[in-house]
Amino acid sequence: MGSTDEKAREEENKKMEAPKVAPFDLNDFTIIKEGEAEILMHAKNEVFFNKTQVNNRDMSIAVLRTFISKYKLEHEALSSKRLKTGPKASDVSTIEVEATMDSITHNENSNGDCHVSKEISQDETSSIVEYQSSNQEGKGQGELKPPRVLEALSASGLRALRYAREVDGIGQVVALDNDNVSVEACKRNIKFNGSVACSKVESHLADARVYMLTHSKEFEVVDLDPYGSPSVFLDSAVQSVVDGGMLMCTATDMAVLCGGNGEVCYSKYGSYPLRGKYCHEMALRILLACIESHANRYKRYIVPVLSVQMDFYVRVFVRVYSSAGAMKNTPLKLSYVYQCIGCDSFHLQPIGRTVSKNTSVRYLPGFGPVVPQECSDCGKKYNMGGPMWSAPIHDQEWVTSILEDVKSMKDRYPAYERISAVLTTISEELPDVPLFLSLHNLCATLKCTSPSAVMFRSAVINAGYRISGTHVNPLGLKTDAPMDVIWDIMRCWVKNHPVKAQPPDQAGSVILAKEPILLILREL
């Protein structure tokens, strides 16, 4: 009798594990293959599928592979320390600082503004202890559970299926959608992709916001890829990620983020955008500032590892940690932007600053204003935008690891050429320089011909400053040179390449009326 009950129970479990899918005729569908996953697309095209998002999905898989690798290394470092010093949480602060929190310390220090006190480091390490401990429930000590992934807006389920089939070491993938047709299609695709997909991926009909709120700190990875703005999902998303976990977030409402509707952007993201040449990078930084704001409400904060602008969207990958102490650093990572309406010069106004004395740190308002009422270069007024994230938006160590991983398995990335090019450019960007200049825009202000990018870079370097390209704009140049140096370089260029006389009240005329101070640049 007992054996009969066990068999019945096993049969019931199998029924629960297998996705319930209504019978269907394959002749009514077109098979779409991407990576190792295949989905069935109905002739009526009832479920949204965006072919151009292959770049997005490939980049996400590359980041997820690197995250799982580093996740394991962090756990091994923590376990190794516990074996030497014992299992007490109070004894593991050293290893967390040296191993688990190494990337965070690097990021905050590289901004040049953040001074993390000993108290903050202890808060961060306690966050990691909780993060690592949460992954050991129900398992033997030292054993790490495979990371769980939540795809909050799954549609056809292609992304979830690719995660399950292509990322080694991944655990359960939960695919959510609040549309019955999409959930049915997702379950059909899970079954179509075989045993691996059936064992790892599960689809649910649910409101993503409610589901994330009721599953607090349960997922190592949360993926938000909505059609439009992610702002309504961020509050619940930052609560659903475990400490040290990854939040992946896409925003496709670029018209709003890039200044087309500044008041709408403020209502959604709490920041006012500016319509400069750098507007797409500002969109990235506005999104990061918004995520940080939501995280702060729950004594959490973010550490960006990769932030990308591609095609028609921005995509950020951030790790989420809990620490009331480290959260105090948020004002140091945010700035307002002053942009001249005449010459497009821009200046950053940090929101906060710190004063260090011995081991203590005081948090104070930022000094200001950083600009006068009128632009010192052309005499025009300023527009003000922000606040935006002004700390680094990438972790260069992560970028290098991701790029190496992509190159080592190029055959497994359908969009290899595109994502490898973007990652290579990001790896060469100056990490601590927010926003960028447009050489063509500078020349348009002065009504002059343009020097070559190589010549302009050489002039900046000879003046003693750094300069690099940016993945956001092939014509953009990131530099730590102040605007008066940039205009001096352009004045020297114009002296050797004269321009036609312009009305005296034009911004370019006012700039060229001044003599260049940096004589070293006469070679232009």
Protein backbone atom coordinates (compact mmCIF):
# COMPACT_ATOMS: atom_id res chain seq x y z
CA MET A 1 0.00 0.00 0.00
CA GLY A 2 2.86 2.31 0.87
CA SER A 3 4.56 1.72 -2.47
CA THR A 4 1.30 2.54 -4.30
CA ASP A 5 1.05 5.85 -2.43
CA GLU A 6 4.66 6.68 -3.28
CA LYS A 7 4.07 5.98 -6.98
CA ALA A 8 0.95 8.14 -6.96
CA ARG A 9 2.90 10.93 -5.27
CA GLU A 10 5.70 10.68 -7.83
CA GLU A 11 3.21 10.84 -10.70
CA GLU A 12 1.61 13.91 -9.14
CA ASN A 13 5.01 15.60 -8.76
CA LYS A 14 5.81 14.93 -12.41
CA LYS A 15 2.53 16.50 -13.46
CA MET A 16 3.29 19.58 -11.39
CA GLU A 17 6.82 19.90 -12.79
CA ALA A 18 5.81 19.60 -16.43
CA PRO A 19 4.31 22.77 -17.88
CA LYS A 20 0.63 22.37 -18.67
CA VAL A 21 0.23 23.17 -22.35
CA ALA A 22 -2.85 22.93 -24.51
CA PRO A 23 -2.48 20.67 -27.59
CA PHE A 24 -1.19 22.54 -30.63
CA ASP A 25 -0.39 21.93 -34.29
CA LEU A 26 3.22 22.65 -35.29
CA ASN A 27 2.02 23.63 -38.77
CA ASP A 28 0.49 26.78 -37.28
CA PHE A 29 3.88 27.98 -36.01
CA THR A 30 7.22 29.19 -37.31
CA ILE A 31 10.29 27.99 -35.42
CA ILE A 32 12.68 30.80 -34.46
CA LYS A 33 16.13 29.79 -33.27
CA GLU A 34 18.43 32.09 -31.32
CA GLY A 35 21.52 30.72 -29.62
CA GLU A 36 20.61 27.28 -28.29
CA ALA A 37 16.95 28.10 -27.68
CA GLU A 38 14.03 27.74 -30.07
CA ILE A 39 10.60 29.31 -29.82
CA LEU A 40 7.35 28.77 -31.69
CA MET A 41 5.98 31.94 -33.25
CA HIS A 42 2.29 31.74 -34.15
CA ALA A 43 1.22 32.88 -37.60
CA LYS A 44 -0.99 35.53 -35.95
CA ASN A 45 2.07 36.89 -34.07
CA GLU A 46 0.06 37.14 -30.84
CA VAL A 47 3.11 37.35 -28.55
CA PHE A 48 5.68 40.15 -28.75
CA PHE A 49 9.07 39.12 -30.12
CA ASN A 50 11.79 41.69 -30.87
CA LYS A 51 14.44 40.29 -33.19
CA THR A 52 16.78 43.28 -32.79
CA GLN A 53 17.03 42.60 -29.03
CA VAL A 54 19.45 39.75 -29.77
CA ASN A 55 22.21 42.23 -28.85
CA ASN A 56 20.52 42.80 -25.50
CA ARG A 57 20.08 39.08 -24.81
CA ASP A 58 23.66 38.22 -25.82
CA MET A 59 25.07 40.96 -23.59
CA SER A 60 22.91 39.76 -20.70
CA ILE A 61 24.12 36.17 -21.11
CA ALA A 62 27.75 37.35 -21.14
CA VAL A 63 27.24 39.37 -17.93
CA LEU A 64 25.35 36.51 -16.29
CA ARG A 65 28.18 34.06 -17.02
CA THR A 66 30.70 36.43 -15.44
CA PHE A 67 28.41 37.05 -12.46
CA ILE A 68 28.06 33.31 -11.75
CA SER A 69 31.84 32.87 -11.98
CA LYS A 70 32.54 35.73 -9.58
CA TYR A 71 29.66 34.65 -7.35
CA LYS A 72 31.35 31.26 -6.90
CA LEU A 73 34.75 32.82 -6.23
CA GLU A 74 33.28 35.08 -3.57
CA HIS A 75 31.61 32.13 -1.89
CA GLU A 76 34.79 30.04 -2.02
CA ALA A 77 36.80 32.89 -0.49
CA LEU A 78 34.25 33.21 2.30
CA SER A 79 34.12 29.45 2.89
CA SER A 80 37.91 29.25 2.97
CA LYS A 81 38.06 31.97 5.61
CA ARG A 82 35.38 30.25 7.66
CA LEU A 83 37.37 27.02 7.66
CA LYS A 84 40.37 28.87 9.09
CA THR A 85 38.63 31.13 11.60
CA GLY A 86 35.34 29.38 12.35
CA PRO A 87 31.79 29.97 11.21
CA LYS A 88 31.10 33.12 13.21
CA ALA A 89 29.92 36.04 11.10
CA SER A 90 31.92 38.43 13.28
CA ASP A 91 35.15 36.74 12.22
CA VAL A 92 34.80 37.11 8.48
CA SER A 93 35.14 40.87 8.02
CA THR A 94 38.68 40.67 6.65
CA ILE A 95 37.91 38.29 3.81
CA GLU A 96 34.84 40.24 2.79
CA VAL A 97 36.83 43.45 2.54
CA GLU A 98 39.70 41.80 0.66
CA ALA A 99 37.72 39.48 -1.63
CA THR A 100 33.98 40.01 -1.77
CA MET A 101 33.95 43.81 -1.49
CA ASP A 102 37.07 44.47 -3.52
CA SER A 103 35.20 45.65 -6.59
CA ILE A 104 32.98 48.01 -4.58
CA THR A 105 35.91 49.69 -2.86
CA HIS A 106 37.66 50.08 -6.21
CA ASN A 107 34.59 51.68 -7.79
CA GLU A 108 33.92 54.14 -5.00
CA ASN A 109 37.55 55.20 -4.68
CA SER A 110 38.02 55.57 -8.44
CA ASN A 111 35.42 58.31 -8.48
CA GLY A 112 37.78 60.47 -6.46
CA ASP A 113 35.00 61.62 -4.13
CA CYS A 114 34.03 58.73 -1.91
CA HIS A 115 35.94 58.09 1.31
CA VAL A 116 34.62 54.94 2.91
CA SER A 117 35.07 54.77 6.65
CA LYS A 118 35.74 51.61 8.67
CA GLU A 119 32.18 51.70 9.91
CA ILE A 120 30.86 51.55 6.34
CA SER A 121 33.13 48.64 5.44
CA GLN A 122 31.72 46.66 8.35
CA ASP A 123 28.18 47.38 7.18
CA GLU A 124 29.05 46.20 3.70
CA THR A 125 30.61 43.00 4.96
CA SER A 126 27.60 42.21 7.13
CA SER A 127 25.53 42.59 3.97
CA ILE A 128 27.67 39.98 2.24
CA VAL A 129 27.46 37.62 5.21
CA GLU A 130 23.67 37.77 4.93
CA TYR A 131 23.88 37.34 1.15
CA GLN A 132 26.11 34.26 1.40
CA SER A 133 24.17 32.76 4.31
CA SER A 134 20.88 33.06 2.46
CA ASN A 135 22.29 30.77 -0.21
CA GLN A 136 23.06 28.00 2.28
CA GLU A 137 19.59 27.42 3.70
CA GLY A 138 18.55 23.79 3.40
CA LYS A 139 22.04 22.77 2.26
CA GLY A 140 25.18 21.57 3.93
CA GLN A 141 27.48 24.24 5.25
CA GLY A 142 29.76 25.56 2.54
CA GLU A 143 27.53 24.33 -0.28
CA LEU A 144 26.32 26.99 -2.70
CA LYS A 145 22.87 26.89 -4.25
CA PRO A 146 22.75 27.65 -7.99
CA PRO A 147 21.65 31.25 -8.53
CA ARG A 148 17.95 31.80 -9.19
CA VAL A 149 16.91 34.17 -11.97
CA LEU A 150 13.67 36.12 -12.25
CA GLU A 151 12.67 37.37 -15.68
CA ALA A 152 9.94 39.75 -14.69
CA LEU A 153 8.45 40.39 -18.16
CA SER A 154 8.97 37.26 -20.21
CA ALA A 155 6.57 37.41 -23.23
CA SER A 156 7.58 34.40 -25.38
CA GLY A 157 10.13 33.24 -22.80
CA LEU A 158 13.07 33.31 -25.24
CA ARG A 159 15.37 35.11 -22.83
CA ALA A 160 14.56 32.75 -19.94
CA LEU A 161 15.11 29.71 -22.21
CA ARG A 162 18.47 31.03 -23.38
CA TYR A 163 19.55 31.60 -19.78
CA ALA A 164 18.58 28.04 -18.84
CA ARG A 165 20.18 26.37 -21.85
CA GLU A 166 23.31 28.48 -22.35
CA VAL A 167 24.50 29.62 -18.91
CA ASP A 168 26.32 26.92 -16.96
CA GLY A 169 25.70 26.80 -13.22
CA ILE A 170 22.38 28.59 -13.37
CA GLY A 171 19.52 27.43 -11.14
CA GLN A 172 15.83 27.99 -11.48
CA VAL A 173 14.59 30.59 -13.98
CA VAL A 174 11.18 32.08 -13.18
CA ALA A 175 9.44 33.72 -16.16
CA LEU A 176 6.54 36.05 -15.35
CA ASP A 177 3.92 37.74 -17.49
CA ASN A 178 0.47 39.14 -16.75
CA ASP A 179 -0.91 38.20 -20.19
CA ASN A 180 -2.60 34.80 -20.56
CA VAL A 181 -1.59 34.39 -24.21
CA SER A 182 2.07 35.14 -23.40
CA VAL A 183 2.15 32.68 -20.50
CA GLU A 184 0.58 29.99 -22.68
CA ALA A 185 3.18 30.69 -25.39
CA CYS A 186 6.00 30.61 -22.82
CA LYS A 187 4.85 27.24 -21.44
CA ARG A 188 4.57 25.90 -24.98
CA ASN A 189 8.14 27.04 -25.71
CA ILE A 190 9.44 25.50 -22.47
CA LYS A 191 8.00 22.14 -23.47
CA PHE A 192 9.32 22.52 -27.03
CA ASN A 193 12.88 23.08 -25.72
CA GLY A 194 13.05 19.72 -23.97
CA SER A 195 14.04 18.36 -20.59
CA VAL A 196 16.63 20.99 -19.63
CA ALA A 197 14.12 23.80 -20.13
CA CYS A 198 11.34 21.87 -18.38
CA SER A 199 13.56 21.22 -15.35
CA LYS A 200 14.87 24.78 -15.00
CA VAL A 201 12.28 27.21 -16.37
CA GLU A 202 8.83 27.82 -14.94
CA SER A 203 6.24 30.28 -16.23
CA HIS A 204 3.66 32.08 -14.10
CA LEU A 205 0.76 34.39 -14.78
CA ALA A 206 1.43 37.21 -12.34
CA ASP A 207 1.87 40.93 -11.93
CA ALA A 208 5.66 41.32 -11.73
CA ARG A 209 5.44 44.08 -9.11
CA VAL A 210 3.31 42.01 -6.74
CA TYR A 211 5.41 38.88 -7.29
CA MET A 212 8.70 40.69 -6.55
CA LEU A 213 7.26 42.34 -3.44
CA THR A 214 6.10 38.96 -2.09
CA HIS A 215 9.47 37.32 -2.85
CA SER A 216 11.82 39.67 -1.05
CA LYS A 217 15.54 38.87 -1.37
CA GLU A 218 14.85 35.54 -3.08
CA PHE A 219 16.60 35.96 -6.44
CA GLU A 220 20.29 36.28 -7.19
CA VAL A 221 19.43 37.85 -10.56
CA VAL A 222 16.40 39.97 -11.50
CA ASP A 223 15.98 40.92 -15.16
CA LEU A 224 13.73 43.84 -16.13
CA ASP A 225 13.25 44.35 -19.85
CA PRO A 226 9.90 46.16 -20.28
CA TYR A 227 8.48 47.69 -23.42
CA GLY A 228 9.01 51.31 -22.36
CA SER A 229 9.95 52.63 -18.94
CA PRO A 230 11.05 50.33 -16.08
CA SER A 231 10.31 52.98 -13.43
CA VAL A 232 7.13 51.34 -12.08
CA PHE A 233 9.02 48.07 -11.45
CA LEU A 234 12.13 49.43 -9.75
CA ASP A 235 10.77 49.74 -6.21
CA SER A 236 9.83 46.07 -6.03
CA ALA A 237 12.83 44.90 -8.07
CA VAL A 238 15.43 46.32 -5.66
CA GLN A 239 13.68 44.43 -2.83
CA SER A 240 13.57 41.12 -4.68
CA VAL A 241 17.36 40.86 -5.25
CA VAL A 242 19.48 39.14 -2.59
CA ASP A 243 22.36 41.07 -1.06
CA GLY A 244 25.19 41.00 -3.57
CA GLY A 245 22.81 39.93 -6.35
CA MET A 246 22.45 41.39 -9.82
CA LEU A 247 19.73 43.64 -11.21
CA MET A 248 19.60 43.92 -15.00
CA CYS A 249 17.42 46.76 -16.27
CA THR A 250 16.48 48.07 -19.72
CA ALA A 251 14.79 51.37 -20.59
CA THR A 252 13.50 51.93 -24.13
CA ASP A 253 11.75 55.27 -23.60
CA MET A 254 14.72 57.18 -25.00
CA ALA A 255 12.69 60.18 -26.15
CA VAL A 256 11.77 60.81 -22.52
CA LEU A 257 15.24 60.11 -21.10
CA CYS A 258 17.04 62.21 -23.72
CA GLY A 259 15.12 65.44 -23.15
CA GLY A 260 12.16 65.19 -25.52
CA ASN A 261 9.77 65.47 -22.56
CA GLY A 262 11.75 66.71 -19.60
CA GLU A 263 8.76 67.00 -17.28
CA VAL A 264 7.73 63.40 -18.04
CA CYS A 265 11.27 62.21 -17.32
CA TYR A 266 11.19 64.00 -13.98
CA SER A 267 7.86 62.39 -13.06
CA LYS A 268 9.15 58.89 -13.93
CA TYR A 269 12.82 59.03 -12.94
CA GLY A 270 13.10 62.03 -10.61
CA SER A 271 15.61 63.77 -12.87
CA TYR A 272 15.52 66.46 -15.55
CA PRO A 273 17.37 65.56 -18.80
CA LEU A 274 19.33 67.92 -21.04
CA ARG A 275 19.37 67.81 -24.84
CA GLY A 276 23.13 67.80 -25.33
CA LYS A 277 25.18 65.56 -27.61
CA TYR A 278 25.80 63.44 -24.53
CA CYS A 279 22.06 62.87 -23.92
CA HIS A 280 22.28 59.08 -24.35
CA GLU A 281 24.96 58.78 -21.69
CA MET A 282 22.95 61.10 -19.47
CA ALA A 283 20.02 58.71 -19.98
CA LEU A 284 22.16 55.88 -18.58
CA ARG A 285 23.15 58.00 -15.60
CA ILE A 286 19.56 59.12 -14.92
CA LEU A 287 18.46 55.47 -14.85
CA LEU A 288 21.26 54.56 -12.43
CA ALA A 289 20.37 57.49 -10.15
CA CYS A 290 16.73 56.37 -10.18
CA ILE A 291 17.63 52.77 -9.23
CA GLU A 292 19.88 54.07 -6.44
CA SER A 293 17.04 56.26 -5.15
CA HIS A 294 14.67 53.28 -4.95
CA ALA A 295 17.34 51.14 -3.30
CA ASN A 296 18.09 53.80 -0.67
CA ARG A 297 14.51 53.61 0.62
CA TYR A 298 15.31 50.13 1.90
CA LYS A 299 18.82 50.90 3.19
CA ARG A 300 20.34 49.46 0.05
CA TYR A 301 22.63 50.82 -2.64
CA ILE A 302 23.92 49.79 -6.05
CA VAL A 303 27.31 49.20 -7.66
CA PRO A 304 27.23 49.38 -11.49
CA VAL A 305 29.33 46.76 -13.28
CA LEU A 306 28.30 47.57 -16.87
CA SER A 307 26.10 50.26 -18.44
CA VAL A 308 25.39 50.16 -22.15
CA GLN A 309 23.61 52.32 -24.69
CA MET A 310 22.79 50.30 -27.81
CA ASP A 311 20.31 50.63 -30.67
CA PHE A 312 17.13 52.19 -29.25
CA TYR A 313 17.61 51.55 -25.51
CA VAL A 314 19.88 51.75 -22.48
CA ARG A 315 20.74 48.70 -20.39
CA VAL A 316 22.39 48.70 -16.94
CA PHE A 317 23.79 45.84 -14.86
CA VAL A 318 24.15 46.67 -11.16
CA ARG A 319 24.82 44.72 -7.98
CA VAL A 320 22.58 45.48 -5.03
CA TYR A 321 23.83 45.57 -1.43
CA SER A 322 22.33 46.42 1.96
CA SER A 323 24.17 48.86 4.18
CA ALA A 324 22.84 51.85 6.08
CA GLY A 325 26.40 53.15 6.38
CA ALA A 326 27.42 52.84 2.73
CA MET A 327 24.10 54.35 1.71
CA LYS A 328 25.38 57.68 3.09
CA ASN A 329 27.76 57.85 0.12
CA THR A 330 24.89 58.30 -2.35
CA PRO A 331 25.06 62.14 -2.48
CA LEU A 332 28.74 61.82 -3.43
CA LYS A 333 27.76 59.80 -6.50
CA LEU A 334 25.14 62.23 -7.80
CA SER A 335 25.51 65.60 -9.55
CA TYR A 336 23.50 68.28 -11.28
CA VAL A 337 24.63 69.41 -14.74
CA TYR A 338 24.87 73.02 -15.93
CA GLN A 339 24.82 73.28 -19.74
CA CYS A 340 25.43 76.60 -21.50
CA ILE A 341 22.70 77.47 -24.00
CA GLY A 342 25.25 79.25 -26.22
CA CYS A 343 28.38 77.07 -26.52
CA ASP A 344 27.07 73.82 -24.94
CA SER A 345 29.86 73.81 -22.32
CA PHE A 346 28.83 71.71 -19.35
CA HIS A 347 29.86 71.63 -15.69
CA LEU A 348 28.96 69.20 -12.89
CA GLN A 349 27.68 70.25 -9.46
CA PRO A 350 28.14 67.40 -6.91
CA ILE A 351 25.28 67.11 -4.44
CA GLY A 352 27.42 66.14 -1.44
CA ARG A 353 30.98 66.03 -0.14
CA THR A 354 32.85 64.51 2.78
CA VAL A 355 35.34 65.77 5.31
CA SER A 356 37.64 63.13 6.81
CA LYS A 357 39.27 63.42 10.22
CA ASN A 358 41.26 60.46 11.50
CA THR A 359 38.90 57.48 10.99
CA SER A 360 35.66 59.46 11.02
CA VAL A 361 33.84 60.88 8.00
CA ARG A 362 31.45 63.83 7.98
CA TYR A 363 28.90 64.14 5.19
CA LEU A 364 28.19 67.71 4.11
CA PRO A 365 26.38 69.52 1.26
CA GLY A 366 28.44 70.08 -1.88
CA PHE A 367 30.14 73.44 -2.45
CA GLY A 368 28.46 75.62 -5.01
CA PRO A 369 27.66 77.12 -7.31
CA VAL A 370 30.28 75.75 -9.69
CA VAL A 371 29.34 78.25 -12.41
CA PRO A 372 28.50 81.98 -12.45
CA GLN A 373 25.16 83.30 -13.71
CA GLU A 374 26.63 83.69 -17.19
CA CYS A 375 29.00 81.37 -19.03
CA SER A 376 32.61 82.47 -18.60
CA ASP A 377 33.39 81.35 -22.17
CA CYS A 378 30.55 82.88 -24.20
CA GLY A 379 28.44 84.96 -21.78
CA LYS A 380 25.18 83.03 -22.23
CA LYS A 381 22.90 81.54 -19.56
CA TYR A 382 22.87 77.95 -18.29
CA ASN A 383 20.23 75.24 -18.33
CA MET A 384 20.32 72.93 -15.32
CA GLY A 385 19.61 69.19 -15.46
CA GLY A 386 19.82 66.21 -13.16
CA PRO A 387 20.45 64.89 -10.65
CA MET A 388 22.28 62.08 -12.42
CA TRP A 389 24.80 59.39 -11.48
CA SER A 390 28.28 60.95 -11.77
CA ALA A 391 30.32 58.07 -10.30
CA PRO A 392 31.76 55.38 -12.64
CA ILE A 393 29.11 53.49 -14.62
CA HIS A 394 31.34 50.47 -15.37
CA ASP A 395 33.63 48.21 -13.36
CA GLN A 396 36.68 47.84 -15.63
CA GLU A 397 37.62 44.48 -14.08
CA TRP A 398 34.17 43.14 -14.91
CA VAL A 399 34.29 44.56 -18.43
CA THR A 400 37.64 42.85 -19.05
CA SER A 401 36.30 39.53 -17.72
CA ILE A 402 33.12 39.77 -19.79
CA LEU A 403 35.07 40.61 -22.95
CA GLU A 404 37.47 37.70 -22.44
CA ASP A 405 34.54 35.35 -21.91
CA VAL A 406 32.81 36.58 -25.07
CA LYS A 407 35.94 36.16 -27.17
CA SER A 408 36.59 32.67 -25.79
CA MET A 409 33.19 31.38 -26.96
CA LYS A 410 32.35 33.64 -29.90
CA ASP A 411 30.42 30.86 -31.66
CA ARG A 412 27.83 30.89 -28.86
CA TYR A 413 26.89 34.55 -29.36
CA PRO A 414 24.72 35.30 -32.42
CA ALA A 415 25.52 39.01 -32.03
CA TYR A 416 29.23 38.48 -31.31
CA GLU A 417 30.53 41.18 -33.67
CA ARG A 418 28.34 43.89 -32.17
CA ILE A 419 28.71 43.11 -28.47
CA SER A 420 32.46 42.50 -28.69
CA ALA A 421 32.91 45.88 -30.41
CA VAL A 422 30.84 47.66 -27.75
CA LEU A 423 32.68 45.94 -24.88
CA THR A 424 36.07 46.75 -26.42
CA THR A 425 35.17 50.44 -26.65
CA ILE A 426 33.85 50.42 -23.07
CA SER A 427 37.11 48.85 -21.84
CA GLU A 428 38.99 51.85 -23.27
CA GLU A 429 36.70 54.54 -21.82
CA LEU A 430 37.87 56.83 -19.04
CA PRO A 431 35.92 55.40 -16.08
CA ASP A 432 35.83 58.53 -13.91
CA VAL A 433 34.76 61.14 -16.49
CA PRO A 434 31.01 61.72 -16.73
CA LEU A 435 29.55 62.74 -20.11
CA PHE A 436 31.57 63.66 -23.19
CA LEU A 437 32.35 66.33 -25.78
CA SER A 438 31.46 66.28 -29.46
CA LEU A 439 34.26 67.60 -31.67
CA HIS A 440 31.77 68.41 -34.42
CA ASN A 441 29.62 70.33 -31.96
CA LEU A 442 32.62 72.43 -30.86
CA CYS A 443 33.34 73.27 -34.48
CA ALA A 444 29.68 74.09 -35.16
CA THR A 445 29.79 76.65 -32.33
CA LEU A 446 32.87 78.33 -33.84
CA LYS A 447 31.72 77.85 -37.48
CA CYS A 448 35.10 76.32 -38.32
CA THR A 449 36.38 73.22 -40.04
CA SER A 450 37.10 70.26 -37.80
CA PRO A 451 40.55 69.04 -36.81
CA SER A 452 41.06 65.31 -36.99
CA ALA A 453 40.21 63.33 -33.86
CA VAL A 454 43.85 62.20 -33.64
CA MET A 455 45.10 65.80 -33.74
CA PHE A 456 42.59 66.93 -31.12
CA ARG A 457 43.47 64.00 -28.85
CA SER A 458 47.18 64.81 -29.18
CA ALA A 459 46.57 68.43 -28.23
CA VAL A 460 44.64 67.40 -25.08
CA ILE A 461 47.35 64.91 -24.08
CA ASN A 462 50.11 67.49 -24.68
CA ALA A 463 48.22 69.87 -22.42
CA GLY A 464 48.56 67.28 -19.62
CA TYR A 465 45.06 65.76 -19.62
CA ARG A 466 43.51 62.40 -20.43
CA ILE A 467 41.14 61.64 -23.30
CA SER A 468 39.30 58.61 -24.68
CA GLY A 469 36.40 57.65 -26.90
CA THR A 470 32.95 56.55 -25.73
CA HIS A 471 30.77 53.62 -26.76
CA VAL A 472 27.73 55.90 -26.76
CA ASN A 473 28.82 58.04 -29.72
CA PRO A 474 31.62 57.27 -32.22
CA LEU A 475 32.33 61.02 -32.48
CA GLY A 476 32.26 61.61 -28.70
CA LEU A 477 35.40 62.28 -26.66
CA LYS A 478 35.70 61.87 -22.89
CA THR A 479 38.31 64.07 -21.24
CA ASP A 480 39.16 65.47 -17.82
CA ALA A 481 40.37 68.72 -19.40
CA PRO A 482 38.30 71.75 -18.24
CA MET A 483 36.29 73.65 -20.82
CA ASP A 484 38.64 76.65 -20.88
CA VAL A 485 41.45 74.32 -22.01
CA ILE A 486 39.20 72.80 -24.69
CA TRP A 487 38.33 76.23 -26.04
CA ASP A 488 42.00 77.26 -25.98
CA ILE A 489 42.77 74.25 -28.18
CA MET A 490 40.03 75.29 -30.59
CA ARG A 491 41.26 78.92 -30.62
CA CYS A 492 44.72 77.71 -31.62
CA TRP A 493 43.16 75.62 -34.38
CA VAL A 494 41.16 78.58 -35.71
CA LYS A 495 44.26 80.82 -35.77
CA ASN A 496 45.76 78.44 -38.34
CA HIS A 497 42.41 77.78 -40.03
CA PRO A 498 40.59 81.15 -40.06
CA VAL A 499 36.82 81.45 -40.15
CA LYS A 500 34.50 84.06 -41.65
CA ALA A 501 33.51 86.94 -39.39
CA GLN A 502 30.34 86.28 -37.38
CA PRO A 503 27.98 88.67 -35.54
CA PRO A 504 29.69 89.79 -32.29
CA ASP A 505 26.90 88.49 -30.07
CA GLN A 506 27.30 84.91 -31.33
CA ALA A 507 28.77 82.43 -28.82
CA GLY A 508 31.56 81.52 -31.25
CA SER A 509 32.53 85.16 -31.78
CA VAL A 510 32.81 85.79 -28.02
CA ILE A 511 34.97 82.68 -27.59
CA LEU A 512 37.31 83.54 -30.47
CA ALA A 513 37.69 87.14 -29.28
CA LYS A 514 39.85 85.86 -26.42
CA GLU A 515 43.50 85.00 -26.89
CA PRO A 516 44.59 81.40 -26.11
CA ILE A 517 46.61 81.06 -22.91
CA LEU A 518 48.17 77.65 -23.56
CA LEU A 519 51.01 78.53 -25.93
CA ILE A 520 52.08 74.89 -26.10
CA LEU A 521 49.14 74.34 -28.40
CA ARG A 522 50.36 76.71 -31.13
CA GLU A 523 51.41 73.66 -33.18
CA LEU A 524 47.75 73.21 -34.14
